[in-house]
Protein backbone atom coordinates (compact mmCIF):
# COMPACT_ATOMS: atom_id res chain seq x y z
CA MET A 1 -12.03 13.52 -3.13
CA ALA A 2 -8.09 13.85 -2.95
CA LYS A 3 -6.07 10.48 -2.15
CA LYS A 4 -4.14 10.81 1.15
CA THR A 5 -0.53 10.53 0.67
CA ALA A 6 0.89 7.18 2.43
CA LYS A 7 2.42 9.86 5.56
CA GLU A 8 -0.50 10.64 6.15
CA GLN A 9 -2.27 7.18 6.43
CA SER A 10 -0.29 5.48 8.24
CA THR A 11 -0.57 8.25 11.00
CA PHE A 12 -4.58 6.97 10.96
CA ASP A 13 -5.46 6.67 14.23
CA PHE A 14 -7.73 3.33 15.11
CA GLU A 15 -9.57 4.32 18.09
CA LYS A 16 -10.06 8.32 17.77
CA GLY A 17 -12.07 7.47 14.06
CA LEU A 18 -13.73 4.30 15.85
CA ASP A 19 -15.35 6.56 18.14
CA GLU A 20 -15.88 9.88 15.55
CA LEU A 21 -17.62 6.96 13.30
CA GLU A 22 -19.60 5.95 16.50
CA GLN A 23 -20.13 9.91 17.07
CA LEU A 24 -20.86 10.27 13.74
CA VAL A 25 -23.32 7.33 14.29
CA GLY A 26 -24.86 9.03 16.77
CA ARG A 27 -26.05 12.02 15.38
CA MET A 28 -27.37 10.43 12.30
CA GLU A 29 -29.61 8.10 14.37
CA GLN A 30 -31.37 11.24 15.82
CA GLY A 31 -32.76 12.39 12.47
CA ASP A 32 -32.39 15.84 12.65
CA LEU A 33 -29.88 16.56 9.93
CA THR A 34 -31.02 17.38 6.72
CA LEU A 35 -30.86 15.36 3.71
CA GLU A 36 -28.29 17.34 3.06
CA GLN A 37 -26.46 17.41 6.29
CA SER A 38 -27.06 13.52 6.76
CA LEU A 39 -25.43 13.07 2.79
CA LYS A 40 -22.56 14.79 3.93
CA GLU A 41 -22.18 12.55 7.24
CA PHE A 42 -22.92 9.36 5.69
CA GLU A 43 -20.20 10.40 3.03
CA HIS A 44 -17.30 10.93 6.16
CA GLY A 45 -19.06 7.65 7.81
CA VAL A 46 -17.63 5.76 4.75
CA GLU A 47 -14.27 7.37 4.76
CA LEU A 48 -14.08 6.93 8.10
CA THR A 49 -15.07 3.61 7.90
CA ARG A 50 -12.39 2.41 5.27
CA HIS A 51 -9.54 3.49 7.81
CA CYS A 52 -10.45 1.58 10.80
CA GLN A 53 -10.45 -1.45 8.03
CA GLN A 54 -7.06 -0.31 6.41
CA ALA A 55 -5.73 0.32 9.72
CA LEU A 56 -7.28 -2.99 10.78
CA GLN A 57 -6.15 -4.74 8.27
CA GLU A 58 -2.86 -3.86 7.98
CA ALA A 59 -2.34 -4.76 11.59
CA GLU A 60 -2.98 -8.05 11.19
CA GLN A 61 -0.78 -8.00 8.25
CA LYS A 62 1.86 -7.35 10.96
CA VAL A 63 0.90 -9.67 12.71
CA GLU A 64 1.55 -12.78 10.49
CA ILE A 65 4.30 -11.69 9.42
CA LEU A 66 5.85 -11.30 13.20
CA LEU A 67 4.20 -15.06 13.59
CA GLN A 68 5.98 -16.65 10.11
CA LYS A 69 8.90 -15.46 11.77
CA SER A 70 9.22 -17.26 14.80
CA ALA A 71 8.59 -20.96 13.44
CA ASP A 72 7.39 -22.16 16.29
CA ALA A 73 4.62 -19.38 17.63
CA GLU A 74 1.44 -20.20 17.45
CA LEU A 75 -2.25 -18.71 16.69
CA THR A 76 -4.15 -18.93 19.90
CA PRO A 77 -7.22 -16.84 21.83
CA PHE A 78 -6.72 -13.30 23.42
CA THR A 79 -7.99 -13.11 26.84
CA PRO A 80 -7.73 -10.07 29.41
CA ASP A 81 -6.42 -12.40 31.59
CA ASP A 82 -2.63 -12.90 29.99
CA GLU A 83 -1.89 -9.22 30.46
CA SER A 84 0.98 -8.86 32.66
């Protein structure tokens, strides 16, 4: 399996990846796949999971950097009512 370049990794769409992962799990849960198909789907699912985890880690790092730049900023839980 070839490693993706930094540019390919940075263009990963988290929402699409998560949606694809959910569809993949659904196909596997139906139980209609052959063993070979299941293994391929599982391998792809592991890859998608890694990309999603990396995207989340990068987002968390960006938030931490932004908070460090603002000394008086505090972390507070997000609530949908806060959207304006």
